Amino acid sequence: MAEVKGKFIMLAGSLMTLYKDGLAEANKGLVAKTGKTFSELEPEGWYDTSLFNLFMETYARYSVSGDRAIVTLGRNVYPTIKKSAGLPPHLKTPLDFIKFEAEGFLANHRGSDVQHESLSPRRTAMSLYKLLHQAIILNFMKAYSLVFWR
């Protein structure tokens, strides 16, 4: 069974406060398994990932933005980590952040279902290349649309 730290379930719950029915539904499932609502969880405690999945799916279902709500949740992960454990001061380059993300995943998940994949220098370089390539393409598309689609 894979487990995730409570701070991420708490994050999803806090983002769902605009959707009272959705939050009540997700909390009902959480209380059934833990006896606690999202706000009563231990931020550094370990909880079954199915509970985090329940909150993500419910958030997406009730949110006016639908599945894009998961993107909003994802954008709030690093600020949550920064508030709770802090970001190391040595993170300067995109490569540093890629390594930190991989190590952070393992620090915030545990269990036999969590697979550890080492980041070799080659895999890290390929990940960085893919990210930069995507950024270049997106920026080109934005510039193209601004110039030619007025």
Protein backbone atom coordinates (compact mmCIF):
# COMPACT_ATOMS: atom_id res chain seq x y z
CA MET A 1 0.00 0.00 0.00
CA ALA A 2 1.30 3.45 -0.91
CA GLU A 3 0.98 6.30 1.56
CA VAL A 4 1.26 10.08 1.25
CA LYS A 5 1.81 12.78 3.83
CA GLY A 6 -1.30 14.42 5.24
CA LYS A 7 -0.29 17.93 4.16
CA PHE A 8 -1.23 17.08 0.57
CA ILE A 9 -4.71 15.84 1.52
CA MET A 10 -5.05 18.99 3.63
CA LEU A 11 -4.02 21.09 0.61
CA ALA A 12 -6.68 19.47 -1.57
CA GLY A 13 -9.28 19.97 1.16
CA SER A 14 -8.39 23.63 1.59
CA LEU A 15 -8.76 24.21 -2.16
CA MET A 16 -12.19 22.55 -2.04
CA THR A 17 -13.62 24.91 0.60
CA LEU A 18 -15.43 26.80 -2.18
CA TYR A 19 -17.31 23.61 -3.04
CA LYS A 20 -19.11 22.73 0.21
CA ASP A 21 -20.92 19.65 -1.14
CA GLY A 22 -17.73 18.27 -2.66
CA LEU A 23 -15.76 18.87 0.52
CA ALA A 24 -18.48 17.19 2.58
CA GLU A 25 -18.40 14.18 0.24
CA ALA A 26 -14.61 13.86 0.39
CA ASN A 27 -14.56 14.39 4.16
CA LYS A 28 -17.17 11.66 4.59
CA GLY A 29 -14.85 9.14 2.94
CA LEU A 30 -11.88 10.42 4.95
CA VAL A 31 -13.73 10.24 8.28
CA ALA A 32 -14.86 6.70 7.46
CA LYS A 33 -11.23 5.57 7.12
CA THR A 34 -9.40 7.81 9.61
CA GLY A 35 -11.99 9.25 11.98
CA LYS A 36 -10.73 12.76 11.06
CA THR A 37 -11.70 15.50 8.64
CA PHE A 38 -9.07 16.99 6.32
CA SER A 39 -8.34 19.84 8.72
CA GLU A 40 -7.73 17.43 11.61
CA LEU A 41 -5.06 15.37 9.84
CA GLU A 42 -1.43 15.42 10.92
CA PRO A 43 0.46 17.32 8.17
CA GLU A 44 3.48 15.01 8.47
CA GLY A 45 1.38 11.91 9.19
CA TRP A 46 1.05 9.07 6.68
CA TYR A 47 -2.27 8.27 4.97
CA ASP A 48 -3.37 5.87 2.23
CA THR A 49 -2.99 7.46 -1.20
CA SER A 50 -6.54 6.39 -2.04
CA LEU A 51 -7.68 9.19 0.30
CA PHE A 52 -5.62 11.76 -1.60
CA ASN A 53 -7.04 10.34 -4.83
CA LEU A 54 -10.56 10.69 -3.39
CA PHE A 55 -9.93 14.37 -2.68
CA MET A 56 -8.39 15.01 -6.12
CA GLU A 57 -11.23 13.31 -7.99
CA THR A 58 -13.90 15.02 -5.92
CA TYR A 59 -12.22 18.40 -6.35
CA ALA A 60 -12.11 17.95 -10.14
CA ARG A 61 -15.73 16.79 -10.25
CA TYR A 62 -17.09 19.75 -8.26
CA SER A 63 -14.76 22.47 -9.54
CA VAL A 64 -16.03 24.77 -12.27
CA SER A 65 -12.73 24.18 -14.07
CA GLY A 66 -13.16 20.39 -14.06
CA ASP A 67 -9.94 18.44 -14.52
CA ARG A 68 -7.95 21.69 -14.63
CA ALA A 69 -8.51 21.80 -10.87
CA ILE A 70 -5.80 19.13 -10.61
CA VAL A 71 -3.39 21.59 -12.25
CA THR A 72 -4.32 24.16 -9.60
CA LEU A 73 -3.64 21.55 -6.93
CA GLY A 74 -0.29 20.72 -8.52
CA ARG A 75 0.73 24.37 -8.63
CA ASN A 76 0.22 24.56 -4.88
CA VAL A 77 2.41 21.58 -3.98
CA TYR A 78 5.73 23.48 -3.85
CA PRO A 79 4.30 26.38 -1.82
CA THR A 80 2.96 23.75 0.60
CA ILE A 81 6.37 22.10 0.85
CA LYS A 82 7.99 25.52 1.26
CA LYS A 83 5.66 26.37 4.17
CA SER A 84 5.97 23.03 5.93
CA ALA A 85 9.52 21.77 5.42
CA GLY A 86 11.09 24.60 3.47
CA LEU A 87 12.96 24.55 0.17
CA PRO A 88 16.72 24.08 0.36
CA PRO A 89 18.68 27.23 -0.47
CA HIS A 90 20.88 25.35 -2.97
CA LEU A 91 18.01 25.09 -5.50
CA LYS A 92 19.06 27.48 -8.25
CA THR A 93 18.89 25.74 -11.62
CA PRO A 94 16.13 23.74 -13.33
CA LEU A 95 18.31 20.65 -12.89
CA ASP A 96 18.43 21.25 -9.12
CA PHE A 97 14.64 21.41 -9.03
CA ILE A 98 14.26 18.22 -11.09
CA LYS A 99 16.49 16.34 -8.64
CA PHE A 100 14.68 17.88 -5.67
CA GLU A 101 11.31 16.86 -7.13
CA ALA A 102 12.41 13.24 -7.52
CA GLU A 103 13.86 13.11 -4.00
CA GLY A 104 10.82 14.96 -2.63
CA PHE A 105 8.45 12.42 -4.12
CA LEU A 106 10.20 9.68 -2.16
CA ALA A 107 10.26 11.81 0.99
CA ASN A 108 6.49 12.38 0.82
CA HIS A 109 5.38 8.90 -0.29
CA ARG A 110 6.09 5.51 1.19
CA GLY A 111 4.97 1.90 0.93
CA SER A 112 5.58 -1.16 -1.18
CA ASP A 113 3.65 0.38 -4.11
CA VAL A 114 6.02 3.36 -4.31
CA GLN A 115 8.71 2.67 -6.89
CA HIS A 116 12.13 4.28 -6.55
CA GLU A 117 13.79 5.23 -9.82
CA SER A 118 17.28 6.61 -9.57
CA LEU A 119 18.07 9.70 -11.58
CA SER A 120 21.21 8.98 -13.51
CA PRO A 121 22.99 11.99 -15.00
CA ARG A 122 21.75 10.87 -18.45
CA ARG A 123 18.11 10.58 -17.33
CA THR A 124 18.34 13.92 -15.54
CA ALA A 125 19.78 15.58 -18.64
CA MET A 126 17.05 14.03 -20.80
CA SER A 127 14.35 15.28 -18.40
CA LEU A 128 15.82 18.76 -18.49
CA TYR A 129 16.04 18.63 -22.30
CA LYS A 130 12.37 17.62 -22.58
CA LEU A 131 11.28 20.44 -20.26
CA LEU A 132 13.30 23.03 -22.14
CA HIS A 133 12.08 21.70 -25.50
CA GLN A 134 8.45 21.98 -24.36
CA ALA A 135 9.04 25.51 -23.06
CA ILE A 136 10.59 26.59 -26.36
CA ILE A 137 7.70 25.16 -28.38
CA LEU A 138 5.09 26.78 -26.10
CA ASN A 139 6.82 30.16 -26.26
CA PHE A 140 7.07 29.91 -30.05
CA MET A 141 3.36 29.08 -30.30
CA LYS A 142 2.44 32.04 -28.07
CA ALA A 143 4.61 34.42 -30.08
CA TYR A 144 3.24 33.05 -33.37
CA SER A 145 -0.36 33.48 -32.23
CA LEU A 146 0.31 37.05 -31.04
CA VAL A 147 1.85 38.05 -34.35
CA PHE A 148 -0.34 36.21 -36.85
CA TRP A 149 -3.73 35.82 -35.16
CA ARG A 150 -4.66 39.35 -34.15
